[in-house]
Amino acid sequence: MKLKAKKLMIGLTGPIAAGKGIVAEYLREKGFFYSSTSERIREECRRRKIEITRESLQKLADELGRKFEPEVLAKKTWEMVNKQENPLAVIDSIRNEAEVDFLKAKPNFYLIGVTAPRRLRYQRMISRSRESDPITWKDFLRIDRADFKSGKGKIGRDMKACLKKADLLLRNTGTVKDLEKKLIKWFKIKFKENYV
């Protein structure tokens, strides 16, 4: 794929196991540089020698947001993305309103929200078997609820506020191909360039 001179940044938000990873992987295959706010937390976990679990990631993200500023993870990720040469980039795992506001102030940034019903997301999470994921339904509910609201104002995670500010909201209840078709349709309507 020929790289474009004009920068295009796509942000991804959505609850656990909704399908953000599918969208991210599709864009990577189309030549987008990938980074994630979650990777900034994982880096800090490794630095502090903290076990990487969903709860430890959530707790550390909230701590960093209180200590520095609520958009600290988005800022660090934006700086990293902006330094690399590829004008196409995707920033995954945007989970608080301050992050959304910071990134939406940047030129050519668009936020895509991915959602799915809770039970379906739990089934997908069990199937993918990721190291940081909870295992039981009860643990999943606790983690999921914390993602939807974990702080006050713009501090902490607030999935509902993030999804409300999305430029595109994808409801992922079908197949991977169904989700990709919805994404391609939006890109074709939104942009004249053949990004995907």
C-alpha atoms as a PDB file:
ATOM      1  CA  MET A   1       0.000   0.000   0.000  1.00  0.00           C
ATOM      2  CA  LYS A   2       1.311   3.426  -0.908  1.00  0.00           C
ATOM      3  CA  LEU A   3       1.687   5.692   2.141  1.00  0.00           C
ATOM      4  CA  LYS A   4      -0.165   8.982   2.143  1.00  0.00           C
ATOM      5  CA  ALA A   5       1.505  12.278   3.012  1.00  0.00           C
ATOM      6  CA  LYS A   6      -1.453  13.375   5.126  1.00  0.00           C
ATOM      7  CA  LYS A   7      -1.600  11.903   8.620  1.00  0.00           C
ATOM      8  CA  LEU A   8      -4.620   9.861   9.615  1.00  0.00           C
ATOM      9  CA  MET A   9      -4.988   8.684  13.195  1.00  0.00           C
ATOM     10  CA  ILE A  10      -7.713   6.237  14.207  1.00  0.00           C
ATOM     11  CA  GLY A  11      -8.485   5.733  17.891  1.00  0.00           C
ATOM     12  CA  LEU A  12     -10.257   2.659  19.231  1.00  0.00           C
ATOM     13  CA  THR A  13     -12.497   2.517  22.270  1.00  0.00           C
ATOM     14  CA  GLY A  14     -14.889  -0.081  23.609  1.00  0.00           C
ATOM     15  CA  PRO A  15     -15.387  -2.526  26.458  1.00  0.00           C
ATOM     16  CA  ILE A  16     -13.429  -5.714  27.023  1.00  0.00           C
ATOM     17  CA  ALA A  17     -13.757  -8.337  24.237  1.00  0.00           C
ATOM     18  CA  ALA A  18     -16.037  -6.135  22.096  1.00  0.00           C
ATOM     19  CA  GLY A  19     -13.828  -6.524  19.027  1.00  0.00           C
ATOM     20  CA  LYS A  20     -11.364  -3.616  19.104  1.00  0.00           C
ATOM     21  CA  GLY A  21      -8.547  -6.076  18.437  1.00  0.00           C
ATOM     22  CA  ILE A  22     -10.222  -7.241  15.220  1.00  0.00           C
ATOM     23  CA  VAL A  23     -10.456  -3.653  13.949  1.00  0.00           C
ATOM     24  CA  ALA A  24      -6.871  -2.938  15.032  1.00  0.00           C
ATOM     25  CA  GLU A  25      -5.541  -6.058  13.300  1.00  0.00           C
ATOM     26  CA  TYR A  26      -7.437  -5.236  10.108  1.00  0.00           C
ATOM     27  CA  LEU A  27      -5.943  -1.723  10.040  1.00  0.00           C
ATOM     28  CA  ARG A  28      -2.447  -3.088  10.748  1.00  0.00           C
ATOM     29  CA  GLU A  29      -2.801  -5.400   7.760  1.00  0.00           C
ATOM     30  CA  LYS A  30      -3.716  -2.349   5.678  1.00  0.00           C
ATOM     31  CA  GLY A  31      -0.485  -0.583   6.647  1.00  0.00           C
ATOM     32  CA  PHE A  32      -1.450   1.343   9.784  1.00  0.00           C
ATOM     33  CA  PHE A  33       1.160   1.698  12.533  1.00  0.00           C
ATOM     34  CA  TYR A  34      -0.262   0.273  15.786  1.00  0.00           C
ATOM     35  CA  SER A  35       0.129   1.384  19.373  1.00  0.00           C
ATOM     36  CA  SER A  36      -1.977   1.102  22.512  1.00  0.00           C
ATOM     37  CA  THR A  37      -2.465   3.052  25.726  1.00  0.00           C
ATOM     38  CA  SER A  38      -2.594  -0.347  27.469  1.00  0.00           C
ATOM     39  CA  GLU A  39       0.971  -1.019  26.339  1.00  0.00           C
ATOM     40  CA  ARG A  40       2.115   2.082  28.250  1.00  0.00           C
ATOM     41  CA  ILE A  41       0.586   0.555  31.415  1.00  0.00           C
ATOM     42  CA  ARG A  42       2.150  -2.845  30.703  1.00  0.00           C
ATOM     43  CA  GLU A  43       5.534  -1.156  30.308  1.00  0.00           C
ATOM     44  CA  GLU A  44       5.064   0.482  33.718  1.00  0.00           C
ATOM     45  CA  CYS A  45       3.950  -2.846  35.242  1.00  0.00           C
ATOM     46  CA  ARG A  46       7.105  -4.516  33.936  1.00  0.00           C
ATOM     47  CA  ARG A  47       9.229  -1.654  35.224  1.00  0.00           C
ATOM     48  CA  ARG A  48       7.672  -1.994  38.696  1.00  0.00           C
ATOM     49  CA  LYS A  49       7.679  -5.819  38.493  1.00  0.00           C
ATOM     50  CA  ILE A  50       3.889  -5.962  38.988  1.00  0.00           C
ATOM     51  CA  GLU A  51       2.007  -9.024  37.728  1.00  0.00           C
ATOM     52  CA  ILE A  52       0.014  -8.149  34.606  1.00  0.00           C
ATOM     53  CA  THR A  53      -3.690  -8.788  35.253  1.00  0.00           C
ATOM     54  CA  ARG A  54      -6.727  -6.806  34.128  1.00  0.00           C
ATOM     55  CA  GLU A  55      -7.153  -5.500  37.685  1.00  0.00           C
ATOM     56  CA  SER A  56      -3.501  -4.479  38.074  1.00  0.00           C
ATOM     57  CA  LEU A  57      -3.664  -2.669  34.718  1.00  0.00           C
ATOM     58  CA  GLN A  58      -6.851  -0.833  35.731  1.00  0.00           C
ATOM     59  CA  LYS A  59      -5.448   0.104  39.148  1.00  0.00           C
ATOM     60  CA  LEU A  60      -2.163   1.386  37.727  1.00  0.00           C
ATOM     61  CA  ALA A  61      -3.915   3.352  34.960  1.00  0.00           C
ATOM     62  CA  ASP A  62      -6.063   5.116  37.560  1.00  0.00           C
ATOM     63  CA  GLU A  63      -3.001   5.784  39.728  1.00  0.00           C
ATOM     64  CA  LEU A  64      -1.064   7.327  36.815  1.00  0.00           C
ATOM     65  CA  GLY A  65      -4.086   9.447  35.859  1.00  0.00           C
ATOM     66  CA  ARG A  66      -4.379  10.828  39.395  1.00  0.00           C
ATOM     67  CA  LYS A  67      -0.632  11.370  39.814  1.00  0.00           C
ATOM     68  CA  PHE A  68      -0.011  13.104  36.486  1.00  0.00           C
ATOM     69  CA  GLU A  69      -3.088  13.930  34.394  1.00  0.00           C
ATOM     70  CA  PRO A  70      -6.034  11.827  33.240  1.00  0.00           C
ATOM     71  CA  GLU A  71      -4.842  11.835  29.611  1.00  0.00           C
ATOM     72  CA  VAL A  72      -1.234  10.815  30.455  1.00  0.00           C
ATOM     73  CA  LEU A  73      -1.423   7.449  28.636  1.00  0.00           C
ATOM     74  CA  ALA A  74      -2.928   9.000  25.505  1.00  0.00           C
ATOM     75  CA  LYS A  75      -0.247  11.723  25.523  1.00  0.00           C
ATOM     76  CA  LYS A  76       2.592   9.217  25.771  1.00  0.00           C
ATOM     77  CA  THR A  77       1.077   7.066  23.043  1.00  0.00           C
ATOM     78  CA  TRP A  78       0.413  10.080  20.797  1.00  0.00           C
ATOM     79  CA  GLU A  79       4.037  11.199  21.152  1.00  0.00           C
ATOM     80  CA  MET A  80       5.240   7.734  20.163  1.00  0.00           C
ATOM     81  CA  VAL A  81       2.881   7.525  17.187  1.00  0.00           C
ATOM     82  CA  ASN A  82       3.744  11.027  16.026  1.00  0.00           C
ATOM     83  CA  LYS A  83       7.497  10.273  15.958  1.00  0.00           C
ATOM     84  CA  GLN A  84       7.282   7.348  13.564  1.00  0.00           C
ATOM     85  CA  GLU A  85       7.236   7.958   9.817  1.00  0.00           C
ATOM     86  CA  ASN A  86       4.061   6.123   8.809  1.00  0.00           C
ATOM     87  CA  PRO A  87       1.295   8.740   8.368  1.00  0.00           C
ATOM     88  CA  LEU A  88      -1.360   6.097   9.101  1.00  0.00           C
ATOM     89  CA  ALA A  89      -1.760   5.028  12.712  1.00  0.00           C
ATOM     90  CA  VAL A  90      -4.206   3.366  15.072  1.00  0.00           C
ATOM     91  CA  ILE A  91      -4.250   4.004  18.829  1.00  0.00           C
ATOM     92  CA  ASP A  92      -5.991   1.213  20.728  1.00  0.00           C
ATOM     93  CA  SER A  93      -7.514   0.949  24.229  1.00  0.00           C
ATOM     94  CA  ILE A  94      -8.751   4.513  24.787  1.00  0.00           C
ATOM     95  CA  ARG A  95     -10.725   4.286  28.014  1.00  0.00           C
ATOM     96  CA  ASN A  96     -11.310   7.703  29.528  1.00  0.00           C
ATOM     97  CA  GLU A  97     -12.917  10.921  28.415  1.00  0.00           C
ATOM     98  CA  ALA A  98      -9.790  13.034  28.948  1.00  0.00           C
ATOM     99  CA  GLU A  99      -7.899  10.758  26.550  1.00  0.00           C
ATOM    100  CA  VAL A 100     -10.661  11.162  23.958  1.00  0.00           C
ATOM    101  CA  ASP A 101     -10.680  14.961  24.339  1.00  0.00           C
ATOM    102  CA  PHE A 102      -6.880  15.172  24.082  1.00  0.00           C
ATOM    103  CA  LEU A 103      -6.756  13.041  20.920  1.00  0.00           C
ATOM    104  CA  LYS A 104      -9.812  14.605  19.275  1.00  0.00           C
ATOM    105  CA  ALA A 105      -8.057  17.977  19.492  1.00  0.00           C
ATOM    106  CA  LYS A 106      -5.397  16.609  17.116  1.00  0.00           C
ATOM    107  CA  PRO A 107      -5.856  17.087  13.352  1.00  0.00           C
ATOM    108  CA  ASN A 108      -7.168  14.114  11.364  1.00  0.00           C
ATOM    109  CA  PHE A 109      -7.984  12.013  14.423  1.00  0.00           C
ATOM    110  CA  TYR A 110     -11.154   9.889  14.382  1.00  0.00           C
ATOM    111  CA  LEU A 111     -12.507   7.696  17.157  1.00  0.00           C
ATOM    112  CA  ILE A 112     -14.122   4.333  16.457  1.00  0.00           C
ATOM    113  CA  GLY A 113     -16.153   2.683  19.211  1.00  0.00           C
ATOM    114  CA  VAL A 114     -16.764  -1.068  19.174  1.00  0.00           C
ATOM    115  CA  THR A 115     -19.550  -2.599  21.286  1.00  0.00           C
ATOM    116  CA  ALA A 116     -21.261  -5.935  21.821  1.00  0.00           C
ATOM    117  CA  PRO A 117     -23.661  -7.381  24.414  1.00  0.00           C
ATOM    118  CA  ARG A 118     -22.075  -8.323  27.732  1.00  0.00           C
ATOM    119  CA  ARG A 119     -22.771 -12.086  27.553  1.00  0.00           C
ATOM    120  CA  LEU A 120     -21.313 -12.298  24.055  1.00  0.00           C
ATOM    121  CA  ARG A 121     -18.228 -10.393  25.161  1.00  0.00           C
ATOM    122  CA  TYR A 122     -17.752 -12.774  28.085  1.00  0.00           C
ATOM    123  CA  GLN A 123     -17.925 -15.787  25.741  1.00  0.00           C
ATOM    124  CA  ARG A 124     -15.374 -14.180  23.431  1.00  0.00           C
ATOM    125  CA  MET A 125     -13.099 -13.346  26.340  1.00  0.00           C
ATOM    126  CA  ILE A 126     -13.118 -16.961  27.539  1.00  0.00           C
ATOM    127  CA  SER A 127     -12.364 -18.148  23.984  1.00  0.00           C
ATOM    128  CA  ARG A 128      -9.392 -15.818  23.486  1.00  0.00           C
ATOM    129  CA  SER A 129      -7.793 -16.780  26.832  1.00  0.00           C
ATOM    130  CA  ARG A 130      -5.583 -13.698  27.279  1.00  0.00           C
ATOM    131  CA  GLU A 131      -3.180 -13.498  30.260  1.00  0.00           C
ATOM    132  CA  SER A 132      -4.778 -10.422  31.826  1.00  0.00           C
ATOM    133  CA  ASP A 133      -8.432 -11.474  31.381  1.00  0.00           C
ATOM    134  CA  PRO A 134     -10.690 -12.530  34.258  1.00  0.00           C
ATOM    135  CA  ILE A 135     -12.032 -16.097  34.140  1.00  0.00           C
ATOM    136  CA  THR A 136     -15.332 -16.212  36.024  1.00  0.00           C
ATOM    137  CA  TRP A 137     -18.531 -14.340  35.112  1.00  0.00           C
ATOM    138  CA  LYS A 138     -18.423 -12.572  38.481  1.00  0.00           C
ATOM    139  CA  ASP A 139     -14.847 -11.365  37.886  1.00  0.00           C
ATOM    140  CA  PHE A 140     -15.743 -10.319  34.349  1.00  0.00           C
ATOM    141  CA  LEU A 141     -18.667  -8.223  35.623  1.00  0.00           C
ATOM    142  CA  ARG A 142     -16.484  -6.496  38.209  1.00  0.00           C
ATOM    143  CA  ILE A 143     -13.803  -5.647  35.642  1.00  0.00           C
ATOM    144  CA  ASP A 144     -16.355  -4.603  33.005  1.00  0.00           C
ATOM    145  CA  ARG A 145     -18.211  -2.306  35.405  1.00  0.00           C
ATOM    146  CA  ALA A 146     -14.917  -0.699  36.445  1.00  0.00           C
ATOM    147  CA  ASP A 147     -14.164   0.034  32.770  1.00  0.00           C
ATOM    148  CA  PHE A 148     -17.537   1.721  32.393  1.00  0.00           C
ATOM    149  CA  LYS A 149     -16.944   4.007  35.384  1.00  0.00           C
ATOM    150  CA  SER A 150     -14.008   3.964  37.779  1.00  0.00           C
ATOM    151  CA  GLY A 151     -13.490   7.555  38.860  1.00  0.00           C
ATOM    152  CA  LYS A 152     -14.977  11.006  39.148  1.00  0.00           C
ATOM    153  CA  GLY A 153     -15.171  13.537  36.357  1.00  0.00           C
ATOM    154  CA  LYS A 154     -12.510  12.831  33.742  1.00  0.00           C
ATOM    155  CA  ILE A 155     -10.273  10.852  36.093  1.00  0.00           C
ATOM    156  CA  GLY A 156     -10.527   7.086  35.713  1.00  0.00           C
ATOM    157  CA  ARG A 157     -12.171   4.974  33.040  1.00  0.00           C
ATOM    158  CA  ASP A 158     -15.521   5.994  31.576  1.00  0.00           C
ATOM    159  CA  MET A 159     -16.424   3.784  28.644  1.00  0.00           C
ATOM    160  CA  LYS A 160     -19.903   5.276  28.268  1.00  0.00           C
ATOM    161  CA  ALA A 161     -18.489   8.793  27.786  1.00  0.00           C
ATOM    162  CA  CYS A 162     -15.885   7.513  25.305  1.00  0.00           C
ATOM    163  CA  LEU A 163     -18.453   5.652  23.219  1.00  0.00           C
ATOM    164  CA  LYS A 164     -20.702   8.744  23.117  1.00  0.00           C
ATOM    165  CA  LYS A 165     -17.858  10.716  21.513  1.00  0.00           C
ATOM    166  CA  ALA A 166     -17.075   8.105  18.835  1.00  0.00           C
ATOM    167  CA  ASP A 167     -17.163   9.212  15.191  1.00  0.00           C
ATOM    168  CA  LEU A 168     -18.237   5.673  14.288  1.00  0.00           C
ATOM    169  CA  LEU A 169     -19.945   3.147  16.574  1.00  0.00           C
ATOM    170  CA  LEU A 170     -19.676  -0.471  15.431  1.00  0.00           C
ATOM    171  CA  ARG A 171     -22.016  -3.017  17.024  1.00  0.00           C
ATOM    172  CA  ASN A 172     -20.108  -6.288  16.772  1.00  0.00           C
ATOM    173  CA  THR A 173     -22.634  -9.109  17.039  1.00  0.00           C
ATOM    174  CA  GLY A 174     -21.820 -11.014  13.862  1.00  0.00           C
ATOM    175  CA  THR A 175     -18.753 -12.466  12.204  1.00  0.00           C
ATOM    176  CA  VAL A 176     -15.313 -10.928  11.756  1.00  0.00           C
ATOM    177  CA  LYS A 177     -16.185 -10.336   8.087  1.00  0.00           C
ATOM    178  CA  ASP A 178     -19.384  -8.505   9.097  1.00  0.00           C
ATOM    179  CA  LEU A 179     -17.368  -6.166  11.316  1.00  0.00           C
ATOM    180  CA  GLU A 180     -14.773  -5.562   8.599  1.00  0.00           C
ATOM    181  CA  LYS A 181     -17.519  -4.753   6.060  1.00  0.00           C
ATOM    182  CA  LYS A 182     -18.976  -2.096   8.391  1.00  0.00           C
ATOM    183  CA  LEU A 183     -15.511  -0.599   8.848  1.00  0.00           C
ATOM    184  CA  ILE A 184     -14.757  -0.561   5.105  1.00  0.00           C
ATOM    185  CA  LYS A 185     -18.122   1.074   4.348  1.00  0.00           C
ATOM    186  CA  TRP A 186     -17.415   3.890   6.832  1.00  0.00           C
ATOM    187  CA  PHE A 187     -13.917   4.470   5.443  1.00  0.00           C
ATOM    188  CA  LYS A 188     -15.267   4.697   1.889  1.00  0.00           C
ATOM    189  CA  ILE A 189     -17.927   7.224   2.897  1.00  0.00           C
ATOM    190  CA  LYS A 190     -15.658   9.263   5.188  1.00  0.00           C
ATOM    191  CA  PHE A 191     -12.453   9.448   3.149  1.00  0.00           C
ATOM    192  CA  LYS A 192     -11.746   9.808  -0.552  1.00  0.00           C
ATOM    193  CA  GLU A 193      -8.330   8.119  -0.232  1.00  0.00           C
ATOM    194  CA  ASN A 194      -8.256   4.336  -0.465  1.00  0.00           C
ATOM    195  CA  TYR A 195      -6.953   3.658   3.043  1.00  0.00           C
ATOM    196  CA  VAL A 196      -8.594   0.240   3.471  1.00  0.00           C
END
